[in-house]
Each structure stands twice: as C-alpha cells, then as structure tokens.
C-alpha atoms as a PDB file:
ATOM      1  CA  MET A   1      88.648 207.242  39.240  1.00  0.00           C
ATOM      2  CA  LEU A   2      86.361 205.003  41.284  1.00  0.00           C
ATOM      3  CA  THR A   3      83.067 203.898  39.748  1.00  0.00           C
ATOM      4  CA  LEU A   4      80.334 202.069  41.614  1.00  0.00           C
ATOM      5  CA  HIS A   5      78.057 199.901  39.478  1.00  0.00           C
ATOM      6  CA  THR A   6      74.878 198.676  41.141  1.00  0.00           C
ATOM      7  CA  ALA A   7      71.709 196.820  40.168  1.00  0.00           C
ATOM      8  CA  ASP A   8      68.639 195.314  41.802  1.00  0.00           C
ATOM      9  CA  LEU A   9      70.407 191.954  42.009  1.00  0.00           C
ATOM     10  CA  LEU A  10      74.100 191.146  41.787  1.00  0.00           C
ATOM     11  CA  VAL A  11      74.957 187.642  40.534  1.00  0.00           C
ATOM     12  CA  PRO A  12      78.675 187.174  41.304  1.00  0.00           C
ATOM     13  CA  GLY A  13      79.167 183.771  39.685  1.00  0.00           C
ATOM     14  CA  ALA A  14      81.507 181.002  40.873  1.00  0.00           C
ATOM     15  CA  GLY A  15      78.595 179.374  42.670  1.00  0.00           C
ATOM     16  CA  ARG A  16      78.095 182.261  45.103  1.00  0.00           C
ATOM     17  CA  ALA A  17      74.594 183.350  46.093  1.00  0.00           C
ATOM     18  CA  PRO A  18      73.023 186.405  44.418  1.00  0.00           C
ATOM     19  CA  LEU A  19      73.113 189.623  46.432  1.00  0.00           C
ATOM     20  CA  PRO A  20      70.076 191.944  46.363  1.00  0.00           C
ATOM     21  CA  ALA A  21      71.068 195.597  45.861  1.00  0.00           C
ATOM     22  CA  GLY A  22      74.654 194.508  45.353  1.00  0.00           C
ATOM     23  CA  ALA A  23      77.393 196.587  43.784  1.00  0.00           C
ATOM     24  CA  VAL A  24      80.798 196.388  42.134  1.00  0.00           C
ATOM     25  CA  LEU A  25      83.405 199.049  42.898  1.00  0.00           C
ATOM     26  CA  VAL A  26      85.785 199.537  39.968  1.00  0.00           C
ATOM     27  CA  GLU A  27      89.178 201.212  40.146  1.00  0.00           C
ATOM     28  CA  GLY A  28      90.913 201.492  36.803  1.00  0.00           C
ATOM     29  CA  ASP A  29      90.557 198.181  34.968  1.00  0.00           C
ATOM     30  CA  ARG A  30      90.052 196.063  38.110  1.00  0.00           C
ATOM     31  CA  ILE A  31      87.324 195.291  40.600  1.00  0.00           C
ATOM     32  CA  ALA A  32      88.265 196.833  43.949  1.00  0.00           C
ATOM     33  CA  ARG A  33      85.367 195.523  46.050  1.00  0.00           C
ATOM     34  CA  VAL A  34      82.061 193.672  45.739  1.00  0.00           C
ATOM     35  CA  GLY A  35      79.286 193.931  48.313  1.00  0.00           C
ATOM     36  CA  PRO A  36      76.069 195.664  49.372  1.00  0.00           C
ATOM     37  CA  TYR A  37      75.597 198.994  47.634  1.00  0.00           C
ATOM     38  CA  GLU A  38      74.920 200.961  50.815  1.00  0.00           C
ATOM     39  CA  GLU A  39      78.130 199.671  52.393  1.00  0.00           C
ATOM     40  CA  LEU A  40      80.339 200.418  49.393  1.00  0.00           C
ATOM     41  CA  ALA A  41      78.732 203.813  48.781  1.00  0.00           C
ATOM     42  CA  ALA A  42      79.302 204.833  52.400  1.00  0.00           C
ATOM     43  CA  GLY A  43      82.947 203.803  52.179  1.00  0.00           C
ATOM     44  CA  CYS A  44      83.530 205.611  48.869  1.00  0.00           C
ATOM     45  CA  PRO A  45      81.291 208.703  48.899  1.00  0.00           C
ATOM     46  CA  HIS A  46      83.132 210.309  45.982  1.00  0.00           C
ATOM     47  CA  ALA A  47      82.801 207.359  43.605  1.00  0.00           C
ATOM     48  CA  ARG A  48      80.785 207.896  40.435  1.00  0.00           C
ATOM     49  CA  VAL A  49      77.626 205.801  40.599  1.00  0.00           C
ATOM     50  CA  ARG A  50      76.082 203.946  37.690  1.00  0.00           C
ATOM     51  CA  ARG A  51      72.715 202.331  38.427  1.00  0.00           C
ATOM     52  CA  TRP A  52      71.445 199.578  36.138  1.00  0.00           C
ATOM     53  CA  PRO A  53      68.033 197.897  36.056  1.00  0.00           C
ATOM     54  CA  GLY A  54      67.757 194.168  36.693  1.00  0.00           C
ATOM     55  CA  VAL A  55      70.776 191.978  37.339  1.00  0.00           C
ATOM     56  CA  LEU A  56      74.517 192.557  37.249  1.00  0.00           C
ATOM     57  CA  THR A  57      76.590 189.516  36.232  1.00  0.00           C
ATOM     58  CA  PRO A  58      80.070 188.579  35.079  1.00  0.00           C
ATOM     59  CA  GLY A  59      80.631 189.214  31.380  1.00  0.00           C
ATOM     60  CA  LEU A  60      79.743 186.418  28.987  1.00  0.00           C
ATOM     61  CA  LEU A  61      81.785 184.043  26.829  1.00  0.00           C
ATOM     62  CA  VAL A  62      80.843 183.006  23.290  1.00  0.00           C
ATOM     63  CA  ARG A  63      82.357 179.833  21.824  1.00  0.00           C
ATOM     64  CA  GLY A  64      82.765 179.118  18.131  1.00  0.00           C
ATOM     65  CA  ALA A  65      84.115 182.533  17.182  1.00  0.00           C
ATOM     66  CA  ASP A  66      85.600 181.143  13.960  1.00  0.00           C
ATOM     67  CA  GLU A  67      82.152 180.018  12.814  1.00  0.00           C
ATOM     68  CA  LEU A  68      80.474 183.256  13.880  1.00  0.00           C
ATOM     69  CA  LEU A  69      83.080 185.693  12.583  1.00  0.00           C
ATOM     70  CA  GLU A  70      84.848 183.982   9.676  1.00  0.00           C
ATOM     71  CA  ARG A  71      82.108 181.754   8.264  1.00  0.00           C
ATOM     72  CA  THR A  72      79.146 184.071   8.799  1.00  0.00           C
ATOM     73  CA  TYR A  73      78.768 187.406   7.003  1.00  0.00           C
ATOM     74  CA  TYR A  74      76.764 190.248   8.573  1.00  0.00           C
ATOM     75  CA  PRO A  75      75.379 192.639   5.917  1.00  0.00           C
ATOM     76  CA  ASP A  76      75.980 196.351   6.436  1.00  0.00           C
ATOM     77  CA  ASP A  77      72.730 198.145   7.291  1.00  0.00           C
ATOM     78  CA  PRO A  78      71.535 200.048   5.298  1.00  0.00           C
ATOM     79  CA  TYR A  79      74.130 199.829   2.516  1.00  0.00           C
ATOM     80  CA  GLU A  80      73.936 196.090   1.813  1.00  0.00           C
ATOM     81  CA  THR A  81      70.629 194.982   3.295  1.00  0.00           C
ATOM     82  CA  ALA A  82      68.550 196.095   0.308  1.00  0.00           C
ATOM     83  CA  GLU A  83      70.488 193.628  -1.838  1.00  0.00           C
ATOM     84  CA  LEU A  84      71.471 190.934   0.660  1.00  0.00           C
ATOM     85  CA  GLY A  85      68.754 191.177   3.297  1.00  0.00           C
ATOM     86  CA  ALA A  86      69.300 191.813   6.991  1.00  0.00           C
ATOM     87  CA  ASP A  87      69.954 188.244   8.102  1.00  0.00           C
ATOM     88  CA  PRO A  88      73.497 186.894   8.566  1.00  0.00           C
ATOM     89  CA  ILE A  89      74.769 184.886   5.592  1.00  0.00           C
ATOM     90  CA  SER A  90      76.398 181.494   6.147  1.00  0.00           C
ATOM     91  CA  GLY A  91      76.886 178.224   4.312  1.00  0.00           C
ATOM     92  CA  ALA A  92      79.577 177.422   1.759  1.00  0.00           C
ATOM     93  CA  GLU A  93      77.404 178.020  -1.307  1.00  0.00           C
ATOM     94  CA  ALA A  94      76.026 181.376  -0.167  1.00  0.00           C
ATOM     95  CA  LEU A  95      79.451 182.628   0.911  1.00  0.00           C
ATOM     96  CA  ALA A  96      81.032 181.469  -2.341  1.00  0.00           C
ATOM     97  CA  ALA A  97      78.452 183.474  -4.271  1.00  0.00           C
ATOM     98  CA  LEU A  98      79.114 186.507  -2.093  1.00  0.00           C
ATOM     99  CA  SER A  99      82.904 186.041  -2.255  1.00  0.00           C
ATOM    100  CA  PRO A 100      83.760 188.719   0.344  1.00  0.00           C
ATOM    101  CA  THR A 101      87.262 190.191   0.372  1.00  0.00           C
ATOM    102  CA  GLU A 102      89.369 190.237   3.536  1.00  0.00           C
ATOM    103  CA  SER A 103      88.385 193.862   4.037  1.00  0.00           C
ATOM    104  CA  ARG A 104      84.680 192.981   3.881  1.00  0.00           C
ATOM    105  CA  TRP A 105      85.258 190.127   6.325  1.00  0.00           C
ATOM    106  CA  GLY A 106      86.887 192.595   8.697  1.00  0.00           C
ATOM    107  CA  ASN A 107      83.959 195.009   8.427  1.00  0.00           C
ATOM    108  CA  SER A 108      81.520 192.145   8.924  1.00  0.00           C
ATOM    109  CA  ALA A 109      83.402 191.057  12.048  1.00  0.00           C
ATOM    110  CA  ARG A 110      83.313 194.619  13.354  1.00  0.00           C
ATOM    111  CA  ARG A 111      79.515 194.628  13.031  1.00  0.00           C
ATOM    112  CA  ALA A 112      79.372 191.230  14.728  1.00  0.00           C
ATOM    113  CA  THR A 113      81.497 192.397  17.662  1.00  0.00           C
ATOM    114  CA  GLN A 114      79.039 195.242  18.223  1.00  0.00           C
ATOM    115  CA  LYS A 115      76.247 192.676  18.364  1.00  0.00           C
ATOM    116  CA  LEU A 116      78.276 190.654  20.880  1.00  0.00           C
ATOM    117  CA  LEU A 117      78.962 193.655  23.098  1.00  0.00           C
ATOM    118  CA  ALA A 118      75.238 194.416  22.997  1.00  0.00           C
ATOM    119  CA  ARG A 119      74.667 190.938  24.460  1.00  0.00           C
ATOM    120  CA  GLY A 120      77.038 191.310  27.409  1.00  0.00           C
ATOM    121  CA  VAL A 121      79.859 189.354  25.774  1.00  0.00           C
ATOM    122  CA  VAL A 122      83.399 190.135  26.968  1.00  0.00           C
ATOM    123  CA  ALA A 123      85.330 187.209  25.441  1.00  0.00           C
ATOM    124  CA  VAL A 124      85.164 184.873  22.446  1.00  0.00           C
ATOM    125  CA  ALA A 125      86.807 181.488  21.962  1.00  0.00           C
ATOM    126  CA  GLY A 126      87.952 180.179  18.604  1.00  0.00           C
ATOM    127  CA  ARG A 127      90.773 180.049  16.086  1.00  0.00           C
ATOM    128  CA  LEU A 128      90.664 183.119  13.851  1.00  0.00           C
ATOM    129  CA  THR A 129      92.825 183.022  10.724  1.00  0.00           C
ATOM    130  CA  VAL A 130      91.739 186.134   8.810  1.00  0.00           C
ATOM    131  CA  PRO A 131      93.968 189.053   9.894  1.00  0.00           C
ATOM    132  CA  ALA A 132      91.240 191.673   9.421  1.00  0.00           C
ATOM    133  CA  VAL A 133      88.873 189.657  11.611  1.00  0.00           C
ATOM    134  CA  ARG A 134      91.491 189.292  14.359  1.00  0.00           C
ATOM    135  CA  THR A 135      92.063 193.060  14.192  1.00  0.00           C
ATOM    136  CA  ALA A 136      88.334 193.758  14.498  1.00  0.00           C
ATOM    137  CA  VAL A 137      88.112 191.570  17.605  1.00  0.00           C
ATOM    138  CA  SER A 138      91.186 193.160  19.167  1.00  0.00           C
ATOM    139  CA  ARG A 139      89.941 196.697  18.570  1.00  0.00           C
ATOM    140  CA  SER A 140      86.507 195.877  19.976  1.00  0.00           C
ATOM    141  CA  GLY A 141      87.930 195.163  23.429  1.00  0.00           C
ATOM    142  CA  LEU A 142      86.825 191.518  23.398  1.00  0.00           C
ATOM    143  CA  THR A 143      89.312 188.942  24.672  1.00  0.00           C
ATOM    144  CA  LEU A 144      90.188 186.197  22.175  1.00  0.00           C
ATOM    145  CA  LEU A 145      90.628 182.805  23.834  1.00  0.00           C
ATOM    146  CA  PRO A 146      91.758 179.456  22.406  1.00  0.00           C
ATOM    147  CA  PRO A 147      89.061 177.212  20.904  1.00  0.00           C
ATOM    148  CA  ALA A 148      86.703 175.597  23.399  1.00  0.00           C
ATOM    149  CA  PRO A 149      84.127 172.813  22.962  1.00  0.00           C
ATOM    150  CA  VAL A 150      80.852 174.052  21.480  1.00  0.00           C
ATOM    151  CA  SER A 151      77.565 172.440  22.412  1.00  0.00           C
ATOM    152  CA  GLY A 152      75.248 172.697  19.412  1.00  0.00           C
ATOM    153  CA  THR A 153      75.404 175.470  16.839  1.00  0.00           C
ATOM    154  CA  PRO A 154      77.482 178.542  17.771  1.00  0.00           C
ATOM    155  CA  SER A 155      75.274 181.520  18.598  1.00  0.00           C
ATOM    156  CA  LEU A 156      75.700 185.220  19.263  1.00  0.00           C
ATOM    157  CA  ASP A 157      73.631 184.587  22.409  1.00  0.00           C
ATOM    158  CA  PRO A 158      75.882 182.884  25.003  1.00  0.00           C
ATOM    159  CA  PHE A 159      72.828 181.572  26.870  1.00  0.00           C
ATOM    160  CA  ALA A 160      71.517 179.586  23.887  1.00  0.00           C
ATOM    161  CA  GLY A 161      71.476 175.894  24.755  1.00  0.00           C
ATOM    162  CA  ARG A 162      72.640 176.481  28.330  1.00  0.00           C
ATOM    163  CA  GLU A 163      71.009 174.968  31.386  1.00  0.00           C
ATOM    164  CA  SER A 164      72.070 177.770  33.722  1.00  0.00           C
ATOM    165  CA  PRO A 165      73.315 181.337  33.221  1.00  0.00           C
ATOM    166  CA  GLU A 166      76.593 180.564  35.004  1.00  0.00           C
ATOM    167  CA  GLU A 167      77.616 178.275  32.140  1.00  0.00           C
ATOM    168  CA  ALA A 168      77.999 181.404  30.004  1.00  0.00           C
ATOM    169  CA  PHE A 169      79.894 183.512  32.551  1.00  0.00           C
ATOM    170  CA  HIS A 170      83.530 184.410  31.912  1.00  0.00           C
ATOM    171  CA  GLY A 171      85.124 184.718  35.327  1.00  0.00           C
ATOM    172  CA  ALA A 172      83.464 186.004  38.483  1.00  0.00           C
ATOM    173  CA  LEU A 173      82.755 189.282  40.246  1.00  0.00           C
ATOM    174  CA  GLU A 174      85.343 189.462  43.030  1.00  0.00           C
ATOM    175  CA  ALA A 175      87.976 191.845  44.342  1.00  0.00           C
ATOM    176  CA  GLY A 176      91.109 191.882  42.213  1.00  0.00           C
ATOM    177  CA  ALA A 177      89.427 190.396  39.131  1.00  0.00           C
ATOM    178  CA  PRO A 178      89.339 192.228  35.779  1.00  0.00           C
ATOM    179  CA  ALA A 179      86.457 194.685  35.622  1.00  0.00           C
ATOM    180  CA  ARG A 180      84.374 192.962  32.941  1.00  0.00           C
ATOM    181  CA  PHE A 181      80.689 192.489  33.577  1.00  0.00           C
ATOM    182  CA  ALA A 182      77.241 193.162  32.164  1.00  0.00           C
ATOM    183  CA  ALA A 183      73.809 194.324  33.275  1.00  0.00           C
ATOM    184  CA  PHE A 184      70.562 192.796  32.034  1.00  0.00           C
ATOM    185  CA  ALA A 185      67.017 194.160  32.342  1.00  0.00           C
ATOM    186  CA  VAL A 186      65.517 191.035  33.919  1.00  0.00           C
ATOM    187  CA  ALA A 187      64.347 190.171  37.421  1.00  0.00           C
ATOM    188  CA  ASP A 188      66.531 187.164  38.182  1.00  0.00           C
ATOM    189  CA  PRO A 189      68.861 184.510  36.662  1.00  0.00           C
ATOM    190  CA  ALA A 190      65.952 182.286  35.619  1.00  0.00           C
ATOM    191  CA  GLN A 191      64.406 185.103  33.607  1.00  0.00           C
ATOM    192  CA  LEU A 192      67.817 185.912  32.154  1.00  0.00           C
ATOM    193  CA  LEU A 193      68.164 182.377  30.832  1.00  0.00           C
ATOM    194  CA  ALA A 194      64.609 182.416  29.468  1.00  0.00           C
ATOM    195  CA  GLN A 195      64.798 185.811  27.731  1.00  0.00           C
ATOM    196  CA  GLY A 196      68.413 185.665  26.598  1.00  0.00           C
ATOM    197  CA  ALA A 197      71.309 188.056  26.245  1.00  0.00           C
ATOM    198  CA  THR A 198      69.438 190.629  24.146  1.00  0.00           C
ATOM    199  CA  THR A 199      68.139 191.964  27.477  1.00  0.00           C
ATOM    200  CA  CYS A 200      71.608 193.456  28.020  1.00  0.00           C
ATOM    201  CA  VAL A 201      71.616 197.149  28.933  1.00  0.00           C
ATOM    202  CA  ALA A 202      75.338 197.632  29.605  1.00  0.00           C
ATOM    203  CA  THR A 203      78.681 195.906  29.039  1.00  0.00           C
ATOM    204  CA  VAL A 204      81.876 196.877  30.844  1.00  0.00           C
ATOM    205  CA  ILE A 205      85.344 195.675  29.797  1.00  0.00           C
ATOM    206  CA  SER A 206      88.554 196.738  31.553  1.00  0.00           C
ATOM    207  CA  GLY A 207      86.474 199.226  33.514  1.00  0.00           C
ATOM    208  CA  ARG A 208      85.230 200.929  30.334  1.00  0.00           C
ATOM    209  CA  LEU A 209      81.563 201.121  29.393  1.00  0.00           C
ATOM    210  CA  LEU A 210      81.690 199.683  25.853  1.00  0.00           C
ATOM    211  CA  HIS A 211      77.955 199.184  25.378  1.00  0.00           C
ATOM    212  CA  ARG A 212      74.965 201.010  26.777  1.00  0.00           C
ATOM    213  CA  ARG A 213      71.447 200.520  25.519  1.00  0.00           C
ATOM    214  CA  ARG A 214      69.928 203.829  24.509  1.00  0.00           C
END
C-alpha cells in the first residue's frame, strides 16, 4: 500500500530548505520518495492521498522521559480528576502522598504517551526503570532512546526552550528513512516554534497514523 502525505509546506529537516506543496510517499514502514506533490502524485496515481493543513515535518523527540513518565503522574479523566485535579502531579512530597502502584504508573504513562503522540512526538529519550511504564511506551509505538542531555525542565512539548524547530526533530524526511513524521496546523517553522507542538494534527510512526486531531 502506497500512501502520499502532503501539506502546504514540507520541512524535511537536516538543514534542507522547506518545499512548498511538498509530499512524502510512504510504502510500508519506510519513506519511498520525497518531493513536490504533483510530481509524486503523477508517478503514483493509485496511492492513497492524505492532505494535511500547515507544515509536514520529521517526528519529534522528547528528552527526559524518566522525569515525564516515572516522576510525573497524569490523573485519569474523569475518574481521578475530581479528587486529584486535572494537572500532572510531580514532586517527591506529592507523589509520596499519592503513592501510586506500578499498575497506576503504567496507566499514567499510557495517558502521557497519548499526549506525546498528540504533539507529534515519535521518540523519547531517558532511562525507564518501571516495567509497566516501559510496556506503555513500547505499546504506544514510541521509540525509547538512551538518555540525552536535557536543557531546562523536561516538557511534553519538544519545542519548549528550543531556538529552532529542527532541534526537536528526530531524523529527517528522505527516501529510505523510517516513515515517522507529523503535521502541524501552522503556516511556517517560525509559527510552529512560537505556537508549539499542540498545533499537531497528525502523527505517523512506521507508516501508521497513530494520532489524528478530530
């Protein structure tokens, strides 16, 4: 199955210039071709087409996964928010009072991975020691990478504290690369950095559409 993903602006990463009306042709779990939409569509007339608003970029990387997934608890909405509130819970004292079991940590991590996918994240870096949390990450489709330096406080938004969007990209959009990318409802990279990853409308990992804003 060939799928052609296109947006108003394609930002391939790796220092390459953005391409207006660019597209990514996906075959299986890999990128087959990258180029102008009209050219790729003419060459593959039977490919399924997915059109996204805004910009299409490589998927994003979040650092500090251990802090975000094993030292931050995300209440279950609506079952826990009446008692705990909707905001994530962190800090040694608050977590000690909550005293979540491994199972609750796993469920919290599952909710967090959904938040990450909804922000265009395709990979997380950190050392995870709770088995249920590692399982939640694995089942989500996110790639778990070794720990990487974190600038500032870890955030669910990979663009937080960055000076350019490319600093948050994981890989590049090029033929032969894994098909993992995201679409954001913004006009250009500058607006993407200013408005953040919550503008994400779609996240693709291994060629599969794992998040789509409804």
